[in-house]
């Protein structure tokens, strides 16, 4: 069982599945992120512009560094775009030498394995 997956509604955190209020009245986004770090709560992944990642209209959560999950605990193979921070999805190419990822926000194509080796 992982952390409680939350969504942001104004200045409040609510459970993603039930919509039940977790906590309200945050003064800033930073205060909300501080609360999340201190409690067992996960917020949706955001790109560099602050827009949440969504797959089929549902938020995506990052657990354990680079492991991404949907709100219903399904693991999905995604990667962060090095340009815009958007959600990168594997392109449907049948090559063994490449792990081609295409960003849904900016269209940038990159190889996730090469990106990891460079960092």
PDB file of N, CA and C in Angstrom:
ATOM      1  N   UNK A   1       0.848  -1.181   0.000  1.00  0.00           N
ATOM      2  CA  UNK A   1       0.000   0.000   0.000  1.00  0.00           C
ATOM      3  C   UNK A   1       0.886   1.234   0.000  1.00  0.00           C
ATOM      4  N   UNK A   2       0.655   2.109  -0.945  1.00  0.00           N
ATOM      5  CA  UNK A   2       1.462   3.310  -1.093  1.00  0.00           C
ATOM      6  C   UNK A   2       0.850   4.501  -0.402  1.00  0.00           C
ATOM      7  N   UNK A   3       1.382   5.659  -0.699  1.00  0.00           N
ATOM      8  CA  UNK A   3       0.864   6.881  -0.076  1.00  0.00           C
ATOM      9  C   UNK A   3      -0.548   7.206  -0.569  1.00  0.00           C
ATOM     10  N   UNK A   4      -1.224   8.058   0.175  1.00  0.00           N
ATOM     11  CA  UNK A   4      -2.532   8.539  -0.246  1.00  0.00           C
ATOM     12  C   UNK A   4      -2.330   9.430  -1.459  1.00  0.00           C
ATOM     13  N   UNK A   5      -3.011   9.126  -2.537  1.00  0.00           N
ATOM     14  CA  UNK A   5      -2.905   9.939  -3.747  1.00  0.00           C
ATOM     15  C   UNK A   5      -3.923  11.055  -3.661  1.00  0.00           C
ATOM     16  N   UNK A   6      -3.435  12.277  -3.815  1.00  0.00           N
ATOM     17  CA  UNK A   6      -4.273  13.450  -3.637  1.00  0.00           C
ATOM     18  C   UNK A   6      -4.365  14.252  -4.923  1.00  0.00           C
ATOM     19  N   UNK A   7      -5.392  15.072  -4.996  1.00  0.00           N
ATOM     20  CA  UNK A   7      -5.525  16.062  -6.057  1.00  0.00           C
ATOM     21  C   UNK A   7      -5.672  17.425  -5.386  1.00  0.00           C
ATOM     22  N   UNK A   8      -5.319  18.457  -6.117  1.00  0.00           N
ATOM     23  CA  UNK A   8      -5.388  19.816  -5.594  1.00  0.00           C
ATOM     24  C   UNK A   8      -6.670  20.458  -6.094  1.00  0.00           C
ATOM     25  N   UNK A   9      -7.441  21.007  -5.168  1.00  0.00           N
ATOM     26  CA  UNK A   9      -8.662  21.750  -5.498  1.00  0.00           C
ATOM     27  C   UNK A   9      -8.561  23.097  -4.810  1.00  0.00           C
ATOM     28  N   UNK A  10      -8.147  24.111  -5.569  1.00  0.00           N
ATOM     29  CA  UNK A  10      -7.954  25.438  -4.987  1.00  0.00           C
ATOM     30  C   UNK A  10      -6.812  25.413  -3.992  1.00  0.00           C
ATOM     31  N   UNK A  11      -7.109  25.714  -2.745  1.00  0.00           N
ATOM     32  CA  UNK A  11      -6.108  25.701  -1.680  1.00  0.00           C
ATOM     33  C   UNK A  11      -6.258  24.464  -0.789  1.00  0.00           C
ATOM     34  N   UNK A  12      -6.860  23.398  -1.335  1.00  0.00           N
ATOM     35  CA  UNK A  12      -7.124  22.193  -0.553  1.00  0.00           C
ATOM     36  C   UNK A  12      -6.535  20.959  -1.225  1.00  0.00           C
ATOM     37  N   UNK A  13      -6.216  19.968  -0.397  1.00  0.00           N
ATOM     38  CA  UNK A  13      -5.826  18.648  -0.863  1.00  0.00           C
ATOM     39  C   UNK A  13      -6.976  17.698  -0.591  1.00  0.00           C
ATOM     40  N   UNK A  14      -7.369  16.925  -1.612  1.00  0.00           N
ATOM     41  CA  UNK A  14      -8.449  15.948  -1.475  1.00  0.00           C
ATOM     42  C   UNK A  14      -7.960  14.604  -1.970  1.00  0.00           C
ATOM     43  N   UNK A  15      -8.517  13.532  -1.413  1.00  0.00           N
ATOM     44  CA  UNK A  15      -8.185  12.197  -1.900  1.00  0.00           C
ATOM     45  C   UNK A  15      -8.622  12.091  -3.359  1.00  0.00           C
ATOM     46  N   UNK A  16      -7.743  11.534  -4.191  1.00  0.00           N
ATOM     47  CA  UNK A  16      -8.019  11.457  -5.624  1.00  0.00           C
ATOM     48  C   UNK A  16      -9.193  10.544  -5.945  1.00  0.00           C
ATOM     49  N   UNK A  17      -9.333   9.440  -5.232  1.00  0.00           N
ATOM     50  CA  UNK A  17     -10.378   8.471  -5.545  1.00  0.00           C
ATOM     51  C   UNK A  17     -11.733   8.894  -4.969  1.00  0.00           C
ATOM     52  N   UNK A  18     -11.765   9.205  -3.692  1.00  0.00           N
ATOM     53  CA  UNK A  18     -13.039   9.481  -3.024  1.00  0.00           C
ATOM     54  C   UNK A  18     -13.440  10.958  -3.048  1.00  0.00           C
ATOM     55  N   UNK A  19     -12.473  11.853  -3.232  1.00  0.00           N
ATOM     56  CA  UNK A  19     -12.761  13.278  -3.183  1.00  0.00           C
ATOM     57  C   UNK A  19     -12.823  13.826  -1.765  1.00  0.00           C
ATOM     58  N   UNK A  20     -12.595  12.972  -0.780  1.00  0.00           N
ATOM     59  CA  UNK A  20     -12.646  13.364   0.628  1.00  0.00           C
ATOM     60  C   UNK A  20     -11.538  14.377   0.933  1.00  0.00           C
ATOM     61  N   UNK A  21     -11.880  15.417   1.672  1.00  0.00           N
ATOM     62  CA  UNK A  21     -10.937  16.469   2.033  1.00  0.00           C
ATOM     63  C   UNK A  21      -9.849  15.916   2.948  1.00  0.00           C
ATOM     64  N   UNK A  22      -8.591  16.163   2.586  1.00  0.00           N
ATOM     65  CA  UNK A  22      -7.461  15.799   3.434  1.00  0.00           C
ATOM     66  C   UNK A  22      -7.110  16.978   4.330  1.00  0.00           C
ATOM     67  N   UNK A  23      -6.926  18.141   3.691  1.00  0.00           N
ATOM     68  CA  UNK A  23      -6.631  19.356   4.444  1.00  0.00           C
ATOM     69  C   UNK A  23      -6.914  20.557   3.548  1.00  0.00           C
ATOM     70  N   UNK A  24      -7.362  21.645   4.161  1.00  0.00           N
ATOM     71  CA  UNK A  24      -7.735  22.859   3.445  1.00  0.00           C
ATOM     72  C   UNK A  24      -6.979  24.048   4.026  1.00  0.00           C
ATOM     73  N   UNK A  25      -7.001  25.152   3.301  1.00  0.00           N
ATOM     74  CA  UNK A  25      -6.472  26.407   3.820  1.00  0.00           C
ATOM     75  C   UNK A  25      -4.984  26.613   3.658  1.00  0.00           C
ATOM     76  N   UNK A  26      -4.372  26.003   2.669  1.00  0.00           N
ATOM     77  CA  UNK A  26      -2.949  26.221   2.450  1.00  0.00           C
ATOM     78  C   UNK A  26      -2.734  27.634   1.920  1.00  0.00           C
ATOM     79  N   UNK A  27      -1.753  28.317   2.464  1.00  0.00           N
ATOM     80  CA  UNK A  27      -1.474  29.695   2.068  1.00  0.00           C
ATOM     81  C   UNK A  27      -0.768  29.770   0.714  1.00  0.00           C
ATOM     82  N   UNK A  28      -0.022  28.710   0.359  1.00  0.00           N
ATOM     83  CA  UNK A  28       0.731  28.716  -0.891  1.00  0.00           C
ATOM     84  C   UNK A  28       0.958  27.289  -1.367  1.00  0.00           C
ATOM     85  N   UNK A  29       1.427  27.179  -2.582  1.00  0.00           N
ATOM     86  CA  UNK A  29       1.780  25.869  -3.139  1.00  0.00           C
ATOM     87  C   UNK A  29       2.926  25.253  -2.326  1.00  0.00           C
ATOM     88  N   UNK A  30       3.854  26.102  -1.898  1.00  0.00           N
ATOM     89  CA  UNK A  30       4.984  25.625  -1.101  1.00  0.00           C
ATOM     90  C   UNK A  30       4.510  25.025   0.219  1.00  0.00           C
ATOM     91  N   UNK A  31       3.532  25.651   0.868  1.00  0.00           N
ATOM     92  CA  UNK A  31       2.989  25.126   2.119  1.00  0.00           C
ATOM     93  C   UNK A  31       2.337  23.765   1.887  1.00  0.00           C
ATOM     94  N   UNK A  32       1.669  23.615   0.748  1.00  0.00           N
ATOM     95  CA  UNK A  32       1.038  22.344   0.400  1.00  0.00           C
ATOM     96  C   UNK A  32       2.103  21.265   0.183  1.00  0.00           C
ATOM     97  N   UNK A  33       3.178  21.606  -0.531  1.00  0.00           N
ATOM     98  CA  UNK A  33       4.252  20.649  -0.784  1.00  0.00           C
ATOM     99  C   UNK A  33       4.974  20.265   0.508  1.00  0.00           C
ATOM    100  N   UNK A  34       5.125  21.211   1.410  1.00  0.00           N
ATOM    101  CA  UNK A  34       5.729  20.913   2.716  1.00  0.00           C
ATOM    102  C   UNK A  34       4.865  19.916   3.491  1.00  0.00           C
ATOM    103  N   UNK A  35       3.547  20.115   3.465  1.00  0.00           N
ATOM    104  CA  UNK A  35       2.622  19.202   4.142  1.00  0.00           C
ATOM    105  C   UNK A  35       2.734  17.789   3.560  1.00  0.00           C
ATOM    106  N   UNK A  36       2.785  17.703   2.243  1.00  0.00           N
ATOM    107  CA  UNK A  36       2.862  16.418   1.552  1.00  0.00           C
ATOM    108  C   UNK A  36       4.143  15.677   1.931  1.00  0.00           C
ATOM    109  N   UNK A  37       5.255  16.404   2.016  1.00  0.00           N
ATOM    110  CA  UNK A  37       6.534  15.780   2.383  1.00  0.00           C
ATOM    111  C   UNK A  37       6.514  15.234   3.806  1.00  0.00           C
ATOM    112  N   UNK A  38       5.767  15.867   4.699  1.00  0.00           N
ATOM    113  CA  UNK A  38       5.737  15.459   6.098  1.00  0.00           C
ATOM    114  C   UNK A  38       4.710  14.361   6.375  1.00  0.00           C
ATOM    115  N   UNK A  39       3.788  14.151   5.448  1.00  0.00           N
ATOM    116  CA  UNK A  39       2.747  13.143   5.621  1.00  0.00           C
ATOM    117  C   UNK A  39       2.848  12.144   4.478  1.00  0.00           C
ATOM    118  N   UNK A  40       2.151  11.048   4.545  1.00  0.00           N
ATOM    119  CA  UNK A  40       2.238   9.998   3.529  1.00  0.00           C
ATOM    120  C   UNK A  40       1.231  10.282   2.411  1.00  0.00           C
ATOM    121  N   UNK A  41       1.509  11.371   1.674  1.00  0.00           N
ATOM    122  CA  UNK A  41       0.603  11.845   0.628  1.00  0.00           C
ATOM    123  C   UNK A  41       1.412  12.105  -0.643  1.00  0.00           C
ATOM    124  N   UNK A  42       0.837  11.802  -1.807  1.00  0.00           N
ATOM    125  CA  UNK A  42       1.468  12.075  -3.100  1.00  0.00           C
ATOM    126  C   UNK A  42       0.565  12.991  -3.906  1.00  0.00           C
ATOM    127  N   UNK A  43       1.173  13.977  -4.542  1.00  0.00           N
ATOM    128  CA  UNK A  43       0.443  14.886  -5.432  1.00  0.00           C
ATOM    129  C   UNK A  43       0.772  14.525  -6.874  1.00  0.00           C
ATOM    130  N   UNK A  44      -0.096  14.893  -7.818  1.00  0.00           N
ATOM    131  CA  UNK A  44       0.182  14.595  -9.228  1.00  0.00           C
ATOM    132  C   UNK A  44       1.480  15.254  -9.697  1.00  0.00           C
ATOM    133  N   UNK A  45       2.131  14.610 -10.662  1.00  0.00           N
ATOM    134  CA  UNK A  45       3.349  15.139 -11.263  1.00  0.00           C
ATOM    135  C   UNK A  45       2.988  16.377 -12.078  1.00  0.00           C
ATOM    136  N   UNK A  46       3.833  17.404 -11.998  1.00  0.00           N
ATOM    137  CA  UNK A  46       3.638  18.639 -12.756  1.00  0.00           C
ATOM    138  C   UNK A  46       4.767  18.814 -13.758  1.00  0.00           C
ATOM    139  N   UNK A  47       4.452  19.450 -14.893  1.00  0.00           N
ATOM    140  CA  UNK A  47       5.515  19.802 -15.831  1.00  0.00           C
ATOM    141  C   UNK A  47       6.148  21.119 -15.370  1.00  0.00           C
ATOM    142  N   UNK A  48       7.111  21.621 -16.135  1.00  0.00           N
ATOM    143  CA  UNK A  48       7.813  22.844 -15.738  1.00  0.00           C
ATOM    144  C   UNK A  48       6.901  24.067 -15.697  1.00  0.00           C
ATOM    145  N   UNK A  49       5.783  24.032 -16.413  1.00  0.00           N
ATOM    146  CA  UNK A  49       4.832  25.148 -16.421  1.00  0.00           C
ATOM    147  C   UNK A  49       3.791  25.028 -15.308  1.00  0.00           C
ATOM    148  N   UNK A  50       3.848  23.935 -14.539  1.00  0.00           N
ATOM    149  CA  UNK A  50       2.913  23.743 -13.434  1.00  0.00           C
ATOM    150  C   UNK A  50       1.633  23.026 -13.799  1.00  0.00           C
ATOM    151  N   UNK A  51       1.560  22.469 -15.013  1.00  0.00           N
ATOM    152  CA  UNK A  51       0.377  21.714 -15.431  1.00  0.00           C
ATOM    153  C   UNK A  51       0.542  20.246 -15.037  1.00  0.00           C
ATOM    154  N   UNK A  52      -0.498  19.635 -14.444  1.00  0.00           N
ATOM    155  CA  UNK A  52      -0.373  18.231 -14.028  1.00  0.00           C
ATOM    156  C   UNK A  52      -0.381  17.279 -15.218  1.00  0.00           C
ATOM    157  N   UNK A  53       0.403  16.210 -15.081  1.00  0.00           N
ATOM    158  CA  UNK A  53       0.384  15.137 -16.077  1.00  0.00           C
ATOM    159  C   UNK A  53      -0.940  14.409 -15.965  1.00  0.00           C
ATOM    160  N   UNK A  54      -1.513  14.059 -17.123  1.00  0.00           N
ATOM    161  CA  UNK A  54      -2.746  13.274 -17.135  1.00  0.00           C
ATOM    162  C   UNK A  54      -2.671  12.228 -18.234  1.00  0.00           C
ATOM    163  N   UNK A  55      -3.148  11.048 -17.921  1.00  0.00           N
ATOM    164  CA  UNK A  55      -3.230   9.957 -18.885  1.00  0.00           C
ATOM    165  C   UNK A  55      -4.679   9.506 -18.899  1.00  0.00           C
ATOM    166  N   UNK A  56      -5.325   9.617 -20.039  1.00  0.00           N
ATOM    167  CA  UNK A  56      -6.751   9.306 -20.178  1.00  0.00           C
ATOM    168  C   UNK A  56      -7.587  10.126 -19.193  1.00  0.00           C
ATOM    169  N   UNK A  57      -7.185  11.373 -18.981  1.00  0.00           N
ATOM    170  CA  UNK A  57      -7.939  12.282 -18.114  1.00  0.00           C
ATOM    171  C   UNK A  57      -7.741  12.070 -16.624  1.00  0.00           C
ATOM    172  N   UNK A  58      -6.810  11.191 -16.247  1.00  0.00           N
ATOM    173  CA  UNK A  58      -6.567  10.907 -14.830  1.00  0.00           C
ATOM    174  C   UNK A  58      -5.146  11.321 -14.463  1.00  0.00           C
ATOM    175  N   UNK A  59      -4.953  11.794 -13.225  1.00  0.00           N
ATOM    176  CA  UNK A  59      -3.622  12.261 -12.823  1.00  0.00           C
ATOM    177  C   UNK A  59      -2.612  11.124 -12.703  1.00  0.00           C
ATOM    178  N   UNK A  60      -1.338  11.483 -12.898  1.00  0.00           N
ATOM    179  CA  UNK A  60      -0.216  10.555 -12.784  1.00  0.00           C
ATOM    180  C   UNK A  60       0.601  10.941 -11.559  1.00  0.00           C
ATOM    181  N   UNK A  61       1.054   9.926 -10.827  1.00  0.00           N
ATOM    182  CA  UNK A  61       1.832  10.133  -9.609  1.00  0.00           C
ATOM    183  C   UNK A  61       3.200   9.495  -9.766  1.00  0.00           C
ATOM    184  N   UNK A  62       4.232  10.132  -9.208  1.00  0.00           N
ATOM    185  CA  UNK A  62       5.586   9.595  -9.230  1.00  0.00           C
ATOM    186  C   UNK A  62       5.909   9.068  -7.843  1.00  0.00           C
ATOM    187  N   UNK A  63       6.195   7.782  -7.784  1.00  0.00           N
ATOM    188  CA  UNK A  63       6.548   7.144  -6.525  1.00  0.00           C
ATOM    189  C   UNK A  63       7.940   6.533  -6.667  1.00  0.00           C
ATOM    190  N   UNK A  64       8.730   6.623  -5.655  1.00  0.00           N
ATOM    191  CA  UNK A  64      10.063   6.020  -5.634  1.00  0.00           C
ATOM    192  C   UNK A  64      10.972   6.572  -6.730  1.00  0.00           C
ATOM    193  N   UNK A  65      10.950   7.852  -6.967  1.00  0.00           N
ATOM    194  CA  UNK A  65      11.883   8.490  -7.897  1.00  0.00           C
ATOM    195  C   UNK A  65      11.443   8.533  -9.342  1.00  0.00           C
ATOM    196  N   UNK A  66      11.403   7.390 -10.018  1.00  0.00           N
ATOM    197  CA  UNK A  66      11.044   7.374 -11.438  1.00  0.00           C
ATOM    198  C   UNK A  66       9.961   6.354 -11.751  1.00  0.00           C
ATOM    199  N   UNK A  67       9.279   5.865 -10.766  1.00  0.00           N
ATOM    200  CA  UNK A  67       8.190   4.912 -10.979  1.00  0.00           C
ATOM    201  C   UNK A  67       6.877   5.688 -11.006  1.00  0.00           C
ATOM    202  N   UNK A  68       6.171   5.608 -12.124  1.00  0.00           N
ATOM    203  CA  UNK A  68       4.941   6.363 -12.295  1.00  0.00           C
ATOM    204  C   UNK A  68       3.735   5.440 -12.195  1.00  0.00           C
ATOM    205  N   UNK A  69       2.662   5.945 -11.577  1.00  0.00           N
ATOM    206  CA  UNK A  69       1.432   5.171 -11.394  1.00  0.00           C
ATOM    207  C   UNK A  69       0.220   6.044 -11.687  1.00  0.00           C
ATOM    208  N   UNK A  70      -0.843   5.366 -12.088  1.00  0.00           N
ATOM    209  CA  UNK A  70      -2.126   6.037 -12.239  1.00  0.00           C
ATOM    210  C   UNK A  70      -2.804   6.099 -10.878  1.00  0.00           C
ATOM    211  N   UNK A  71      -3.925   6.757 -10.817  1.00  0.00           N
ATOM    212  CA  UNK A  71      -4.654   6.883  -9.566  1.00  0.00           C
ATOM    213  C   UNK A  71      -5.149   5.528  -9.061  1.00  0.00           C
ATOM    214  N   UNK A  72      -5.334   4.559  -9.968  1.00  0.00           N
ATOM    215  CA  UNK A  72      -5.786   3.226  -9.566  1.00  0.00           C
ATOM    216  C   UNK A  72      -4.629   2.224  -9.460  1.00  0.00           C
ATOM    217  N   UNK A  73      -3.439   2.718  -9.144  1.00  0.00           N
ATOM    218  CA  UNK A  73      -2.245   1.921  -8.826  1.00  0.00           C
ATOM    219  C   UNK A  73      -1.654   1.129  -9.987  1.00  0.00           C
ATOM    220  N   UNK A  74      -1.981   1.461 -11.220  1.00  0.00           N
ATOM    221  CA  UNK A  74      -1.377   0.792 -12.367  1.00  0.00           C
ATOM    222  C   UNK A  74      -0.056   1.468 -12.687  1.00  0.00           C
ATOM    223  N   UNK A  75       1.006   0.675 -12.815  1.00  0.00           N
ATOM    224  CA  UNK A  75       2.306   1.209 -13.183  1.00  0.00           C
ATOM    225  C   UNK A  75       2.299   1.513 -14.677  1.00  0.00           C
ATOM    226  N   UNK A  76       2.834   2.666 -15.052  1.00  0.00           N
ATOM    227  CA  UNK A  76       2.899   3.074 -16.457  1.00  0.00           C
ATOM    228  C   UNK A  76       4.330   3.478 -16.787  1.00  0.00           C
ATOM    229  N   UNK A  77       4.749   3.153 -18.014  1.00  0.00           N
ATOM    230  CA  UNK A  77       6.102   3.480 -18.455  1.00  0.00           C
ATOM    231  C   UNK A  77       6.094   4.889 -19.040  1.00  0.00           C
ATOM    232  N   UNK A  78       6.509   5.850 -18.231  1.00  0.00           N
ATOM    233  CA  UNK A  78       6.568   7.242 -18.639  1.00  0.00           C
ATOM    234  C   UNK A  78       7.935   7.797 -18.282  1.00  0.00           C
ATOM    235  N   UNK A  79       8.274   8.945 -18.848  1.00  0.00           N
ATOM    236  CA  UNK A  79       9.535   9.615 -18.528  1.00  0.00           C
ATOM    237  C   UNK A  79       9.313  11.121 -18.606  1.00  0.00           C
ATOM    238  N   UNK A  80      10.088  11.862 -17.829  1.00  0.00           N
ATOM    239  CA  UNK A  80      10.003  13.323 -17.838  1.00  0.00           C
ATOM    240  C   UNK A  80      10.786  13.873 -19.019  1.00  0.00           C
ATOM    241  N   UNK A  81      10.169  14.776 -19.776  1.00  0.00           N
ATOM    242  CA  UNK A  81      10.818  15.416 -20.914  1.00  0.00           C
ATOM    243  C   UNK A  81      11.937  16.329 -20.399  1.00  0.00           C
ATOM    244  N   UNK A  82      13.138  16.199 -20.958  1.00  0.00           N
ATOM    245  CA  UNK A  82      14.240  17.042 -20.501  1.00  0.00           C
ATOM    246  C   UNK A  82      14.069  18.512 -20.891  1.00  0.00           C
ATOM    247  N   UNK A  83      13.207  18.801 -21.865  1.00  0.00           N
ATOM    248  CA  UNK A  83      13.006  20.184 -22.307  1.00  0.00           C
ATOM    249  C   UNK A  83      11.953  20.922 -21.490  1.00  0.00           C
ATOM    250  N   UNK A  84      10.742  20.347 -21.409  1.00  0.00           N
ATOM    251  CA  UNK A  84       9.623  21.071 -20.782  1.00  0.00           C
ATOM    252  C   UNK A  84       9.120  20.429 -19.492  1.00  0.00           C
ATOM    253  N   UNK A  85       9.640  19.256 -19.155  1.00  0.00           N
ATOM    254  CA  UNK A  85       9.168  18.561 -17.958  1.00  0.00           C
ATOM    255  C   UNK A  85       7.849  17.853 -18.163  1.00  0.00           C
ATOM    256  N   UNK A  86       7.388  17.799 -19.410  1.00  0.00           N
ATOM    257  CA  UNK A  86       6.114  17.159 -19.731  1.00  0.00           C
ATOM    258  C   UNK A  86       6.199  15.647 -19.675  1.00  0.00           C
ATOM    259  N   UNK A  87       5.060  15.013 -19.882  1.00  0.00           N
ATOM    260  CA  UNK A  87       4.941  13.565 -19.805  1.00  0.00           C
ATOM    261  C   UNK A  87       5.378  12.931 -21.120  1.00  0.00           C
ATOM    262  N   UNK A  88       6.408  12.098 -21.051  1.00  0.00           N
ATOM    263  CA  UNK A  88       6.895  11.389 -22.221  1.00  0.00           C
ATOM    264  C   UNK A  88       6.357   9.969 -22.246  1.00  0.00           C
ATOM    265  N   UNK A  89       5.812   9.582 -23.392  1.00  0.00           N
ATOM    266  CA  UNK A  89       5.250   8.245 -23.588  1.00  0.00           C
ATOM    267  C   UNK A  89       6.067   7.516 -24.643  1.00  0.00           C
ATOM    268  N   UNK A  90       6.291   6.229 -24.423  1.00  0.00           N
ATOM    269  CA  UNK A  90       7.059   5.429 -25.367  1.00  0.00           C
ATOM    270  C   UNK A  90       6.392   5.430 -26.738  1.00  0.00           C
ATOM    271  N   UNK A  91       7.200   5.706 -27.763  1.00  0.00           N
ATOM    272  CA  UNK A  91       6.716   5.654 -29.140  1.00  0.00           C
ATOM    273  C   UNK A  91       6.619   4.198 -29.563  1.00  0.00           C
ATOM    274  N   UNK A  92       5.680   3.897 -30.433  1.00  0.00           N
ATOM    275  CA  UNK A  92       5.473   2.525 -30.891  1.00  0.00           C
ATOM    276  C   UNK A  92       6.449   2.181 -32.009  1.00  0.00           C
ATOM    277  N   UNK A  93       7.707   2.011 -31.633  1.00  0.00           N
ATOM    278  CA  UNK A  93       8.731   1.616 -32.591  1.00  0.00           C
ATOM    279  C   UNK A  93       9.302   0.280 -32.161  1.00  0.00           C
ATOM    280  N   UNK A  94       9.573  -0.572 -33.109  1.00  0.00           N
ATOM    281  CA  UNK A  94      10.051  -1.916 -32.800  1.00  0.00           C
ATOM    282  C   UNK A  94      11.560  -2.011 -32.959  1.00  0.00           C
ATOM    283  N   UNK A  95      12.304  -1.154 -32.272  1.00  0.00           N
ATOM    284  CA  UNK A  95      13.755  -1.236 -32.319  1.00  0.00           C
ATOM    285  C   UNK A  95      14.271  -1.617 -30.947  1.00  0.00           C
ATOM    286  N   UNK A  96      15.226  -2.504 -30.928  1.00  0.00           N
ATOM    287  CA  UNK A  96      15.791  -2.981 -29.668  1.00  0.00           C
ATOM    288  C   UNK A  96      16.799  -1.972 -29.118  1.00  0.00           C
ATOM    289  N   UNK A  97      17.500  -1.265 -30.012  1.00  0.00           N
ATOM    290  CA  UNK A  97      18.564  -0.355 -29.592  1.00  0.00           C
ATOM    291  C   UNK A  97      18.049   0.964 -29.039  1.00  0.00           C
ATOM    292  N   UNK A  98      16.787   1.236 -29.159  1.00  0.00           N
ATOM    293  CA  UNK A  98      16.258   2.526 -28.757  1.00  0.00           C
ATOM    294  C   UNK A  98      15.057   2.378 -27.840  1.00  0.00           C
ATOM    295  N   UNK A  99      14.918   3.320 -26.952  1.00  0.00           N
ATOM    296  CA  UNK A  99      13.745   3.410 -26.081  1.00  0.00           C
ATOM    297  C   UNK A  99      13.163   4.793 -26.338  1.00  0.00           C
ATOM    298  N   UNK A 100      12.609   4.992 -27.532  1.00  0.00           N
ATOM    299  CA  UNK A 100      12.170   6.312 -27.975  1.00  0.00           C
ATOM    300  C   UNK A 100      10.934   6.760 -27.199  1.00  0.00           C
ATOM    301  N   UNK A 101      11.061   7.936 -26.594  1.00  0.00           N
ATOM    302  CA  UNK A 101       9.993   8.534 -25.805  1.00  0.00           C
ATOM    303  C   UNK A 101       9.586   9.842 -26.480  1.00  0.00           C
ATOM    304  N   UNK A 102       8.289  10.104 -26.570  1.00  0.00           N
ATOM    305  CA  UNK A 102       7.789  11.343 -27.177  1.00  0.00           C
ATOM    306  C   UNK A 102       6.990  12.104 -26.131  1.00  0.00           C
ATOM    307  N   UNK A 103       7.331  13.375 -25.948  1.00  0.00           N
ATOM    308  CA  UNK A 103       6.640  14.232 -24.979  1.00  0.00           C
ATOM    309  C   UNK A 103       5.263  14.603 -25.513  1.00  0.00           C
ATOM    310  N   UNK A 104       4.245  14.453 -24.671  1.00  0.00           N
ATOM    311  CA  UNK A 104       2.882  14.793 -25.074  1.00  0.00           C
ATOM    312  C   UNK A 104       2.650  16.300 -25.088  1.00  0.00           C
ATOM    313  N   UNK A 105       3.478  17.054 -24.392  1.00  0.00           N
ATOM    314  CA  UNK A 105       3.291  18.506 -24.315  1.00  0.00           C
ATOM    315  C   UNK A 105       3.986  19.243 -25.460  1.00  0.00           C
ATOM    316  N   UNK A 106       5.274  18.935 -25.698  1.00  0.00           N
ATOM    317  CA  UNK A 106       6.028  19.698 -26.697  1.00  0.00           C
ATOM    318  C   UNK A 106       6.410  18.886 -27.932  1.00  0.00           C
ATOM    319  N   UNK A 107       6.200  17.557 -27.906  1.00  0.00           N
ATOM    320  CA  UNK A 107       6.514  16.709 -29.053  1.00  0.00           C
ATOM    321  C   UNK A 107       7.970  16.297 -29.153  1.00  0.00           C
ATOM    322  N   UNK A 108       8.804  16.720 -28.207  1.00  0.00           N
ATOM    323  CA  UNK A 108      10.228  16.367 -28.219  1.00  0.00           C
ATOM    324  C   UNK A 108      10.386  14.851 -28.127  1.00  0.00           C
ATOM    325  N   UNK A 109      11.285  14.283 -28.945  1.00  0.00           N
ATOM    326  CA  UNK A 109      11.574  12.851 -28.895  1.00  0.00           C
ATOM    327  C   UNK A 109      12.953  12.660 -28.288  1.00  0.00           C
ATOM    328  N   UNK A 110      13.055  11.717 -27.375  1.00  0.00           N
ATOM    329  CA  UNK A 110      14.329  11.455 -26.722  1.00  0.00           C
ATOM    330  C   UNK A 110      14.405   9.989 -26.349  1.00  0.00           C
ATOM    331  N   UNK A 111      15.608   9.526 -26.075  1.00  0.00           N
ATOM    332  CA  UNK A 111      15.842   8.145 -25.674  1.00  0.00           C
ATOM    333  C   UNK A 111      16.073   8.154 -24.170  1.00  0.00           C
ATOM    334  N   UNK A 112      15.178   7.559 -23.421  1.00  0.00           N
ATOM    335  CA  UNK A 112      15.250   7.588 -21.964  1.00  0.00           C
ATOM    336  C   UNK A 112      16.533   6.942 -21.451  1.00  0.00           C
ATOM    337  N   UNK A 113      17.005   5.889 -22.107  1.00  0.00           N
ATOM    338  CA  UNK A 113      18.232   5.228 -21.651  1.00  0.00           C
ATOM    339  C   UNK A 113      19.442   6.134 -21.843  1.00  0.00           C
ATOM    340  N   UNK A 114      19.492   6.867 -22.966  1.00  0.00           N
ATOM    341  CA  UNK A 114      20.599   7.790 -23.194  1.00  0.00           C
ATOM    342  C   UNK A 114      20.557   8.941 -22.200  1.00  0.00           C
ATOM    343  N   UNK A 115      19.359   9.425 -21.898  1.00  0.00           N
ATOM    344  CA  UNK A 115      19.216  10.520 -20.935  1.00  0.00           C
ATOM    345  C   UNK A 115      19.747  10.098 -19.579  1.00  0.00           C
ATOM    346  N   UNK A 116      19.464   8.860 -19.141  1.00  0.00           N
ATOM    347  CA  UNK A 116      19.926   8.384 -17.839  1.00  0.00           C
ATOM    348  C   UNK A 116      21.449   8.251 -17.830  1.00  0.00           C
ATOM    349  N   UNK A 117      22.045   7.806 -18.955  1.00  0.00           N
ATOM    350  CA  UNK A 117      23.491   7.635 -19.004  1.00  0.00           C
ATOM    351  C   UNK A 117      24.210   8.982 -18.974  1.00  0.00           C
ATOM    352  N   UNK A 118      23.586  10.025 -19.536  1.00  0.00           N
ATOM    353  CA  UNK A 118      24.207  11.337 -19.571  1.00  0.00           C
ATOM    354  C   UNK A 118      24.189  12.041 -18.227  1.00  0.00           C
ATOM    355  N   UNK A 119      23.241  11.674 -17.355  1.00  0.00           N
ATOM    356  CA  UNK A 119      23.142  12.363 -16.068  1.00  0.00           C
ATOM    357  C   UNK A 119      23.900  11.680 -14.973  1.00  0.00           C
TER     358      UNK A 119
END
